């Protein structure tokens, strides 16, 4: 009889704990990079067709482009602190699919304190190919940087970058 009473109380308590845990862990991820300011390490031919804002405009038919350099990068200022879950980069859709290779994905609270979230060795092999990097749990930052880390002369030319996260206080 004592065991029955214990189980009668225990089962609803466990159901409640599991229910509360599900509620507290659930949040909706959004693309927190959309229309945010983007800085590039350089701009191909100083041509406005390749400016940083094109990589966060929601269009996969255009692209950004740096000049050929050792370690080209792009940096997105999210404008606030976000917990970052995933970063997606899409290769350009017109040509040059092998340009995305040896890419570091970094997140940080300032441009001087970035931590690596992930790495893609590559290279990409298809037009418009999607690269997805899932950040470790509790990756929080205001800035996201994508940088090619190997090779003497590289162009950074992604079509789009999506950063999936949720705002934190």
N, C-alpha and C. Protein backbone atom coordinates (compact mmCIF):
# COMPACT_ATOMS: atom_id res chain seq x y z
N UNK A 1 0.82 -1.18 0.00
CA UNK A 1 0.00 0.00 0.00
C UNK A 1 0.88 1.26 0.00
N UNK A 2 1.96 1.24 0.75
CA UNK A 2 2.87 2.38 0.79
C UNK A 2 3.52 2.62 -0.56
N UNK A 3 3.89 1.52 -1.27
CA UNK A 3 4.50 1.63 -2.59
C UNK A 3 3.50 2.18 -3.60
N UNK A 4 2.25 1.74 -3.51
CA UNK A 4 1.22 2.26 -4.41
C UNK A 4 1.04 3.76 -4.24
N UNK A 5 1.04 4.22 -3.02
CA UNK A 5 0.87 5.65 -2.73
C UNK A 5 2.08 6.43 -3.25
N UNK A 6 3.27 5.87 -3.08
CA UNK A 6 4.49 6.50 -3.56
C UNK A 6 4.44 6.66 -5.09
N UNK A 7 4.06 5.57 -5.78
CA UNK A 7 3.98 5.62 -7.24
C UNK A 7 2.88 6.58 -7.70
N UNK A 8 1.78 6.61 -6.96
CA UNK A 8 0.68 7.52 -7.29
C UNK A 8 1.14 8.97 -7.25
N UNK A 9 2.03 9.30 -6.35
CA UNK A 9 2.56 10.66 -6.24
C UNK A 9 3.74 10.90 -7.17
N UNK A 10 4.55 9.86 -7.39
CA UNK A 10 5.76 10.00 -8.19
C UNK A 10 5.47 10.20 -9.67
N UNK A 11 4.57 9.44 -10.23
CA UNK A 11 4.31 9.52 -11.67
C UNK A 11 3.84 10.92 -12.08
N UNK A 12 2.85 11.54 -11.43
CA UNK A 12 2.47 12.90 -11.83
C UNK A 12 3.62 13.90 -11.65
N UNK A 13 4.45 13.70 -10.62
CA UNK A 13 5.58 14.61 -10.40
C UNK A 13 6.57 14.49 -11.56
N UNK A 14 6.85 13.28 -12.00
CA UNK A 14 7.78 13.09 -13.12
C UNK A 14 7.21 13.66 -14.41
N UNK A 15 5.92 13.45 -14.63
CA UNK A 15 5.28 14.02 -15.82
C UNK A 15 5.39 15.54 -15.79
N UNK A 16 5.16 16.16 -14.66
CA UNK A 16 5.25 17.61 -14.52
C UNK A 16 6.68 18.10 -14.77
N UNK A 17 7.67 17.41 -14.20
CA UNK A 17 9.06 17.80 -14.39
C UNK A 17 9.43 17.72 -15.87
N UNK A 18 9.06 16.64 -16.53
CA UNK A 18 9.36 16.49 -17.95
C UNK A 18 8.65 17.57 -18.76
N UNK A 19 7.42 17.89 -18.42
CA UNK A 19 6.67 18.91 -19.14
C UNK A 19 7.33 20.27 -18.97
N UNK A 20 7.72 20.62 -17.76
CA UNK A 20 8.39 21.90 -17.51
C UNK A 20 9.70 21.96 -18.27
N UNK A 21 10.46 20.86 -18.30
CA UNK A 21 11.74 20.83 -19.00
C UNK A 21 11.53 21.07 -20.50
N UNK A 22 10.51 20.50 -21.08
CA UNK A 22 10.23 20.70 -22.50
C UNK A 22 9.88 22.16 -22.76
N UNK A 23 9.09 22.76 -21.92
CA UNK A 23 8.70 24.16 -22.11
C UNK A 23 9.90 25.08 -22.00
N UNK A 24 10.74 24.87 -21.01
CA UNK A 24 11.86 25.79 -20.80
C UNK A 24 12.93 25.63 -21.87
N UNK A 25 13.02 24.50 -22.52
CA UNK A 25 14.05 24.29 -23.54
C UNK A 25 13.57 24.67 -24.93
N UNK A 26 12.32 24.99 -25.10
CA UNK A 26 11.78 25.27 -26.43
C UNK A 26 11.83 26.76 -26.73
N UNK A 27 12.44 27.09 -27.84
CA UNK A 27 12.40 28.45 -28.34
C UNK A 27 12.50 28.40 -29.85
N UNK A 28 12.02 29.42 -30.49
CA UNK A 28 11.99 29.43 -31.94
C UNK A 28 13.23 30.13 -32.48
N UNK A 29 14.00 29.42 -33.29
CA UNK A 29 15.18 29.99 -33.92
C UNK A 29 14.76 30.84 -35.11
N UNK A 30 15.44 31.96 -35.30
CA UNK A 30 15.21 32.80 -36.46
C UNK A 30 16.56 33.15 -37.08
N UNK A 31 16.52 33.58 -38.33
CA UNK A 31 17.74 34.03 -39.00
C UNK A 31 18.07 35.43 -38.47
N UNK A 32 18.95 35.50 -37.50
CA UNK A 32 19.26 36.76 -36.83
C UNK A 32 20.25 37.62 -37.61
N UNK A 33 20.74 37.13 -38.74
CA UNK A 33 21.68 37.90 -39.57
C UNK A 33 20.98 38.69 -40.68
N UNK A 34 19.72 38.41 -40.92
CA UNK A 34 19.02 39.05 -42.04
C UNK A 34 19.08 40.58 -41.95
N UNK A 35 19.58 41.21 -42.99
CA UNK A 35 19.67 42.67 -43.14
C UNK A 35 20.58 43.36 -42.12
N UNK A 36 21.47 42.60 -41.47
CA UNK A 36 22.40 43.20 -40.51
C UNK A 36 23.65 43.71 -41.24
N UNK A 37 24.38 44.64 -40.62
CA UNK A 37 25.60 45.18 -41.26
C UNK A 37 26.68 44.12 -41.43
N UNK A 38 27.33 44.16 -42.59
CA UNK A 38 28.40 43.20 -42.90
C UNK A 38 29.65 43.98 -43.30
N UNK A 39 30.78 43.58 -42.74
CA UNK A 39 32.07 44.14 -43.09
C UNK A 39 32.86 43.06 -43.81
N UNK A 40 33.54 43.45 -44.90
CA UNK A 40 34.38 42.52 -45.65
C UNK A 40 35.84 42.90 -45.47
N UNK A 41 36.73 41.92 -45.55
CA UNK A 41 38.16 42.20 -45.46
C UNK A 41 38.62 43.04 -46.65
N UNK A 42 37.96 42.91 -47.78
CA UNK A 42 38.24 43.70 -48.98
C UNK A 42 37.04 43.59 -49.91
N UNK A 43 37.02 44.41 -50.94
CA UNK A 43 35.91 44.38 -51.91
C UNK A 43 36.48 44.19 -53.30
N UNK A 44 36.03 43.15 -53.99
CA UNK A 44 36.51 42.83 -55.33
C UNK A 44 36.35 44.03 -56.27
N UNK A 45 37.44 44.51 -56.82
CA UNK A 45 37.47 45.62 -57.79
C UNK A 45 36.74 46.88 -57.30
N UNK A 46 36.57 47.03 -55.98
CA UNK A 46 35.78 48.14 -55.43
C UNK A 46 34.44 48.27 -56.14
N UNK A 47 33.85 47.14 -56.48
CA UNK A 47 32.63 47.07 -57.26
C UNK A 47 31.43 46.92 -56.33
N UNK A 48 30.51 47.86 -56.37
CA UNK A 48 29.35 47.84 -55.47
C UNK A 48 28.41 46.66 -55.72
N UNK A 49 28.60 45.93 -56.81
CA UNK A 49 27.78 44.73 -57.03
C UNK A 49 28.10 43.63 -56.04
N UNK A 50 29.23 43.75 -55.32
CA UNK A 50 29.67 42.68 -54.43
C UNK A 50 29.75 43.11 -52.96
N UNK A 51 29.02 44.14 -52.58
CA UNK A 51 29.08 44.67 -51.22
C UNK A 51 28.53 43.67 -50.20
N UNK A 52 28.96 43.84 -48.95
CA UNK A 52 28.64 42.90 -47.88
C UNK A 52 27.17 42.66 -47.63
N UNK A 53 26.35 43.69 -47.80
CA UNK A 53 24.92 43.54 -47.50
C UNK A 53 24.24 42.48 -48.37
N UNK A 54 24.83 42.13 -49.49
CA UNK A 54 24.22 41.12 -50.37
C UNK A 54 24.23 39.72 -49.77
N UNK A 55 25.10 39.48 -48.79
CA UNK A 55 25.19 38.14 -48.22
C UNK A 55 24.13 37.89 -47.13
N UNK A 56 23.40 38.95 -46.75
CA UNK A 56 22.35 38.80 -45.73
C UNK A 56 21.01 39.38 -46.21
N UNK A 57 20.80 39.40 -47.53
CA UNK A 57 19.59 40.02 -48.07
C UNK A 57 18.49 39.02 -48.41
N UNK A 58 18.71 37.75 -48.18
CA UNK A 58 17.69 36.75 -48.45
C UNK A 58 17.65 36.26 -49.89
N UNK A 59 18.52 36.80 -50.74
CA UNK A 59 18.56 36.37 -52.15
C UNK A 59 19.75 35.44 -52.36
N UNK A 60 19.52 34.34 -53.01
CA UNK A 60 20.59 33.38 -53.25
C UNK A 60 21.17 33.54 -54.66
N UNK A 61 20.67 34.50 -55.42
CA UNK A 61 21.10 34.70 -56.80
C UNK A 61 22.21 35.73 -56.93
N UNK A 62 22.53 36.47 -55.86
CA UNK A 62 23.64 37.41 -55.91
C UNK A 62 24.73 36.93 -54.95
N UNK A 63 25.79 37.70 -54.78
CA UNK A 63 26.89 37.25 -53.93
C UNK A 63 27.74 38.43 -53.50
N UNK A 64 28.59 38.17 -52.52
CA UNK A 64 29.62 39.13 -52.15
C UNK A 64 30.93 38.59 -52.72
N UNK A 65 31.93 39.45 -52.84
CA UNK A 65 33.24 38.99 -53.31
C UNK A 65 34.33 39.87 -52.74
N UNK A 66 35.33 39.22 -52.18
CA UNK A 66 36.53 39.92 -51.75
C UNK A 66 37.55 39.85 -52.88
N UNK A 67 38.60 40.63 -52.75
CA UNK A 67 39.72 40.48 -53.68
C UNK A 67 40.47 39.20 -53.30
N UNK A 68 41.36 38.77 -54.16
CA UNK A 68 42.18 37.60 -53.84
C UNK A 68 43.16 37.99 -52.75
N UNK A 69 43.11 37.30 -51.64
CA UNK A 69 44.01 37.58 -50.51
C UNK A 69 44.24 36.32 -49.72
N UNK A 70 45.18 36.37 -48.78
CA UNK A 70 45.56 35.19 -48.02
C UNK A 70 44.42 34.64 -47.16
N UNK A 71 43.75 35.44 -46.38
CA UNK A 71 42.71 34.96 -45.47
C UNK A 71 41.49 35.88 -45.50
N UNK A 72 40.76 35.89 -46.60
CA UNK A 72 39.60 36.79 -46.69
C UNK A 72 38.53 36.43 -45.67
N UNK A 73 37.80 37.43 -45.21
CA UNK A 73 36.76 37.21 -44.22
C UNK A 73 35.58 38.14 -44.44
N UNK A 74 34.46 37.75 -43.84
CA UNK A 74 33.30 38.62 -43.72
C UNK A 74 32.85 38.55 -42.27
N UNK A 75 32.33 39.68 -41.77
CA UNK A 75 31.89 39.74 -40.38
C UNK A 75 30.51 40.38 -40.33
N UNK A 76 29.60 39.73 -39.65
CA UNK A 76 28.23 40.22 -39.48
C UNK A 76 28.08 40.76 -38.07
N UNK A 77 27.59 41.99 -37.95
CA UNK A 77 27.27 42.58 -36.65
C UNK A 77 25.79 42.35 -36.40
N UNK A 78 25.47 41.46 -35.48
CA UNK A 78 24.08 41.12 -35.20
C UNK A 78 23.37 42.21 -34.40
N UNK A 79 24.12 43.18 -33.87
CA UNK A 79 23.53 44.31 -33.17
C UNK A 79 23.14 44.06 -31.73
N UNK A 80 23.17 42.83 -31.29
CA UNK A 80 22.83 42.45 -29.91
C UNK A 80 23.42 41.06 -29.68
N UNK A 81 23.31 40.59 -28.44
CA UNK A 81 23.82 39.26 -28.10
C UNK A 81 22.77 38.20 -28.44
N UNK A 82 23.24 37.15 -29.10
CA UNK A 82 22.37 36.05 -29.47
C UNK A 82 23.04 34.73 -29.10
N UNK A 83 22.22 33.76 -28.73
CA UNK A 83 22.72 32.40 -28.62
C UNK A 83 22.62 31.80 -30.02
N UNK A 84 23.76 31.43 -30.57
CA UNK A 84 23.83 30.96 -31.95
C UNK A 84 23.77 29.44 -31.96
N UNK A 85 22.83 28.91 -32.73
CA UNK A 85 22.65 27.46 -32.84
C UNK A 85 23.34 26.92 -34.09
N UNK A 86 23.18 27.62 -35.21
CA UNK A 86 23.68 27.11 -36.49
C UNK A 86 24.04 28.28 -37.40
N UNK A 87 25.06 28.07 -38.21
CA UNK A 87 25.44 29.04 -39.25
C UNK A 87 25.43 28.29 -40.57
N UNK A 88 24.72 28.86 -41.56
CA UNK A 88 24.66 28.26 -42.89
C UNK A 88 25.29 29.22 -43.89
N UNK A 89 26.08 28.67 -44.78
CA UNK A 89 26.66 29.45 -45.88
C UNK A 89 26.29 28.74 -47.17
N UNK A 90 25.88 29.52 -48.15
CA UNK A 90 25.51 28.97 -49.45
C UNK A 90 26.51 29.46 -50.50
N UNK A 91 27.04 28.51 -51.26
CA UNK A 91 27.99 28.83 -52.33
C UNK A 91 27.28 29.61 -53.43
N UNK A 92 28.04 30.35 -54.17
CA UNK A 92 27.48 31.09 -55.31
C UNK A 92 26.85 30.12 -56.30
N UNK A 93 25.89 30.62 -57.06
CA UNK A 93 25.11 29.75 -57.95
C UNK A 93 25.55 29.83 -59.41
N UNK A 94 26.46 30.75 -59.74
CA UNK A 94 26.81 30.93 -61.15
C UNK A 94 28.06 30.16 -61.59
N UNK A 95 29.06 30.07 -60.75
CA UNK A 95 30.30 29.40 -61.12
C UNK A 95 31.18 29.20 -59.89
N UNK A 96 32.39 28.79 -60.14
CA UNK A 96 33.49 28.85 -59.16
C UNK A 96 33.17 28.15 -57.85
N UNK A 97 32.58 26.97 -57.95
CA UNK A 97 32.10 26.28 -56.76
C UNK A 97 33.21 25.92 -55.78
N UNK A 98 34.44 25.82 -56.24
CA UNK A 98 35.53 25.39 -55.36
C UNK A 98 36.11 26.53 -54.52
N UNK A 99 35.53 27.72 -54.57
CA UNK A 99 36.08 28.85 -53.83
C UNK A 99 35.83 28.77 -52.33
N UNK A 100 34.84 28.03 -51.89
CA UNK A 100 34.59 27.88 -50.45
C UNK A 100 35.31 26.63 -49.94
N UNK A 101 36.37 26.85 -49.20
CA UNK A 101 37.17 25.77 -48.64
C UNK A 101 37.90 26.29 -47.41
N UNK A 102 38.23 25.39 -46.51
CA UNK A 102 39.01 25.72 -45.31
C UNK A 102 38.45 26.96 -44.61
N UNK A 103 37.15 26.90 -44.29
CA UNK A 103 36.44 28.04 -43.71
C UNK A 103 36.26 27.85 -42.21
N UNK A 104 36.70 28.86 -41.44
CA UNK A 104 36.43 28.91 -40.01
C UNK A 104 35.18 29.74 -39.76
N UNK A 105 34.35 29.27 -38.85
CA UNK A 105 33.15 29.99 -38.43
C UNK A 105 33.39 30.42 -36.99
N UNK A 106 33.36 31.73 -36.73
CA UNK A 106 33.64 32.24 -35.39
C UNK A 106 32.49 33.09 -34.89
N UNK A 107 32.31 33.08 -33.57
CA UNK A 107 31.28 33.89 -32.90
C UNK A 107 31.95 34.56 -31.72
N UNK A 108 31.59 35.83 -31.47
CA UNK A 108 32.18 36.50 -30.32
C UNK A 108 31.39 37.71 -29.86
N UNK A 109 31.69 38.13 -28.64
CA UNK A 109 31.06 39.31 -28.07
C UNK A 109 31.68 40.60 -28.58
N UNK A 110 32.91 40.52 -29.11
CA UNK A 110 33.56 41.67 -29.73
C UNK A 110 34.40 41.14 -30.89
N UNK A 111 34.84 42.03 -31.75
CA UNK A 111 35.63 41.58 -32.91
C UNK A 111 37.01 41.08 -32.50
N UNK A 112 37.43 41.41 -31.28
CA UNK A 112 38.74 40.99 -30.80
C UNK A 112 38.68 39.73 -29.93
N UNK A 113 37.49 39.25 -29.65
CA UNK A 113 37.32 38.04 -28.83
C UNK A 113 36.34 37.09 -29.51
N UNK A 114 36.84 36.42 -30.54
CA UNK A 114 36.02 35.48 -31.30
C UNK A 114 36.44 34.05 -30.96
N UNK A 115 35.47 33.15 -30.91
CA UNK A 115 35.74 31.74 -30.63
C UNK A 115 35.22 30.90 -31.79
N UNK A 116 35.99 29.92 -32.15
CA UNK A 116 35.60 29.08 -33.29
C UNK A 116 34.38 28.24 -32.93
N UNK A 117 33.39 28.35 -33.79
CA UNK A 117 32.15 27.60 -33.64
C UNK A 117 32.23 26.31 -34.45
N UNK A 118 32.95 26.37 -35.57
CA UNK A 118 33.07 25.20 -36.42
C UNK A 118 34.01 25.46 -37.57
N UNK A 119 34.22 24.42 -38.38
CA UNK A 119 35.13 24.52 -39.52
C UNK A 119 34.60 23.65 -40.65
N UNK A 120 34.80 24.13 -41.87
CA UNK A 120 34.44 23.36 -43.06
C UNK A 120 35.70 23.25 -43.92
N UNK A 121 36.11 22.03 -44.22
CA UNK A 121 37.32 21.84 -45.02
C UNK A 121 37.03 22.00 -46.50
N UNK A 122 36.01 21.33 -47.01
CA UNK A 122 35.62 21.48 -48.40
C UNK A 122 36.66 20.94 -49.37
N UNK A 123 36.64 21.46 -50.59
CA UNK A 123 35.85 22.59 -51.08
C UNK A 123 34.43 22.19 -51.46
N UNK A 124 33.59 23.20 -51.65
CA UNK A 124 32.25 22.94 -52.17
C UNK A 124 32.38 22.36 -53.57
N UNK A 125 31.39 21.57 -53.97
CA UNK A 125 31.48 20.88 -55.25
C UNK A 125 30.28 21.14 -56.16
N UNK A 126 29.31 21.91 -55.68
CA UNK A 126 28.10 22.16 -56.49
C UNK A 126 27.68 23.61 -56.37
N UNK A 127 27.11 24.14 -57.43
CA UNK A 127 26.58 25.50 -57.40
C UNK A 127 25.49 25.59 -56.33
N UNK A 128 25.56 26.63 -55.51
CA UNK A 128 24.56 26.84 -54.48
C UNK A 128 24.64 25.88 -53.30
N UNK A 129 25.72 25.13 -53.19
CA UNK A 129 25.85 24.14 -52.11
C UNK A 129 25.72 24.79 -50.74
N UNK A 130 25.04 24.08 -49.85
CA UNK A 130 24.83 24.53 -48.47
C UNK A 130 25.88 23.93 -47.56
N UNK A 131 26.51 24.79 -46.77
CA UNK A 131 27.42 24.36 -45.71
C UNK A 131 26.73 24.72 -44.40
N UNK A 132 26.58 23.75 -43.51
CA UNK A 132 25.94 24.00 -42.22
C UNK A 132 26.89 23.64 -41.10
N UNK A 133 27.05 24.57 -40.16
CA UNK A 133 27.88 24.34 -38.98
C UNK A 133 27.00 24.55 -37.75
N UNK A 134 26.94 23.55 -36.89
CA UNK A 134 26.18 23.66 -35.66
C UNK A 134 27.13 24.04 -34.53
N UNK A 135 26.83 25.14 -33.88
CA UNK A 135 27.69 25.65 -32.81
C UNK A 135 27.46 24.86 -31.53
N UNK A 136 28.49 24.79 -30.67
CA UNK A 136 28.29 24.14 -29.37
C UNK A 136 27.21 24.86 -28.58
N UNK A 137 26.57 24.13 -27.70
CA UNK A 137 25.52 24.71 -26.84
C UNK A 137 26.08 25.92 -26.08
N UNK A 138 25.25 26.94 -25.90
CA UNK A 138 25.61 28.17 -25.18
C UNK A 138 26.66 29.00 -25.91
N UNK A 139 26.69 28.93 -27.24
CA UNK A 139 27.56 29.82 -28.02
C UNK A 139 26.84 31.15 -28.14
N UNK A 140 27.38 32.16 -27.47
CA UNK A 140 26.72 33.47 -27.41
C UNK A 140 27.65 34.53 -27.98
N UNK A 141 27.10 35.43 -28.79
CA UNK A 141 27.91 36.51 -29.32
C UNK A 141 27.10 37.51 -30.10
N UNK A 142 27.75 38.62 -30.40
CA UNK A 142 27.17 39.69 -31.21
C UNK A 142 27.69 39.63 -32.64
N UNK A 143 28.88 39.08 -32.82
CA UNK A 143 29.52 39.06 -34.13
C UNK A 143 29.70 37.63 -34.62
N UNK A 144 29.53 37.46 -35.93
CA UNK A 144 29.78 36.18 -36.59
C UNK A 144 30.78 36.46 -37.70
N UNK A 145 31.84 35.67 -37.73
CA UNK A 145 32.87 35.86 -38.77
C UNK A 145 33.09 34.56 -39.51
N UNK A 146 33.23 34.67 -40.82
CA UNK A 146 33.50 33.54 -41.69
C UNK A 146 34.78 33.87 -42.43
N UNK A 147 35.78 32.96 -42.35
CA UNK A 147 37.09 33.28 -42.90
C UNK A 147 37.74 32.05 -43.51
N UNK A 148 38.31 32.22 -44.70
CA UNK A 148 39.11 31.17 -45.31
C UNK A 148 40.48 31.21 -44.64
N UNK A 149 40.95 30.05 -44.19
CA UNK A 149 42.16 30.01 -43.36
C UNK A 149 43.38 29.40 -44.04
N UNK A 150 43.22 28.79 -45.21
CA UNK A 150 44.37 28.16 -45.88
C UNK A 150 44.45 28.60 -47.33
N UNK A 151 45.67 28.63 -47.82
CA UNK A 151 45.92 28.97 -49.21
C UNK A 151 46.50 30.37 -49.33
N UNK A 152 47.38 30.58 -50.30
CA UNK A 152 48.06 31.88 -50.44
C UNK A 152 47.20 32.98 -51.05
N UNK A 153 46.18 32.61 -51.83
CA UNK A 153 45.37 33.62 -52.52
C UNK A 153 43.97 33.08 -52.74
N UNK A 154 42.99 33.65 -52.02
CA UNK A 154 41.62 33.16 -52.07
C UNK A 154 40.63 34.29 -52.27
N UNK A 155 39.54 33.97 -52.94
CA UNK A 155 38.38 34.86 -53.02
C UNK A 155 37.32 34.28 -52.08
N UNK A 156 36.67 35.14 -51.32
CA UNK A 156 35.53 34.71 -50.51
C UNK A 156 34.28 35.20 -51.24
N UNK A 157 33.44 34.27 -51.71
CA UNK A 157 32.32 34.65 -52.58
C UNK A 157 31.01 33.92 -52.26
N UNK A 158 30.56 33.88 -51.03
CA UNK A 158 29.30 33.21 -50.76
C UNK A 158 28.10 34.00 -51.28
N UNK A 159 27.04 33.28 -51.57
CA UNK A 159 25.80 33.91 -52.02
C UNK A 159 24.96 34.38 -50.84
N UNK A 160 24.95 33.62 -49.76
CA UNK A 160 24.09 33.96 -48.62
C UNK A 160 24.64 33.33 -47.35
N UNK A 161 24.45 34.02 -46.23
CA UNK A 161 24.78 33.50 -44.91
C UNK A 161 23.55 33.64 -44.02
N UNK A 162 23.19 32.56 -43.36
CA UNK A 162 22.08 32.56 -42.41
C UNK A 162 22.65 32.19 -41.05
N UNK A 163 22.24 32.92 -40.03
CA UNK A 163 22.69 32.66 -38.66
C UNK A 163 21.43 32.40 -37.84
N UNK A 164 21.28 31.17 -37.36
CA UNK A 164 20.08 30.77 -36.63
C UNK A 164 20.34 30.88 -35.14
N UNK A 165 19.52 31.71 -34.47
CA UNK A 165 19.71 31.90 -33.05
C UNK A 165 18.53 32.54 -32.38
N UNK A 166 18.73 32.89 -31.11
CA UNK A 166 17.70 33.53 -30.31
C UNK A 166 18.38 34.59 -29.45
N UNK A 167 17.73 35.73 -29.30
CA UNK A 167 18.29 36.85 -28.53
C UNK A 167 18.37 36.49 -27.05
N UNK A 168 19.47 36.90 -26.43
CA UNK A 168 19.65 36.72 -25.00
C UNK A 168 19.80 38.07 -24.33
N UNK A 169 19.56 38.12 -23.03
CA UNK A 169 19.69 39.39 -22.29
C UNK A 169 21.13 39.71 -21.99
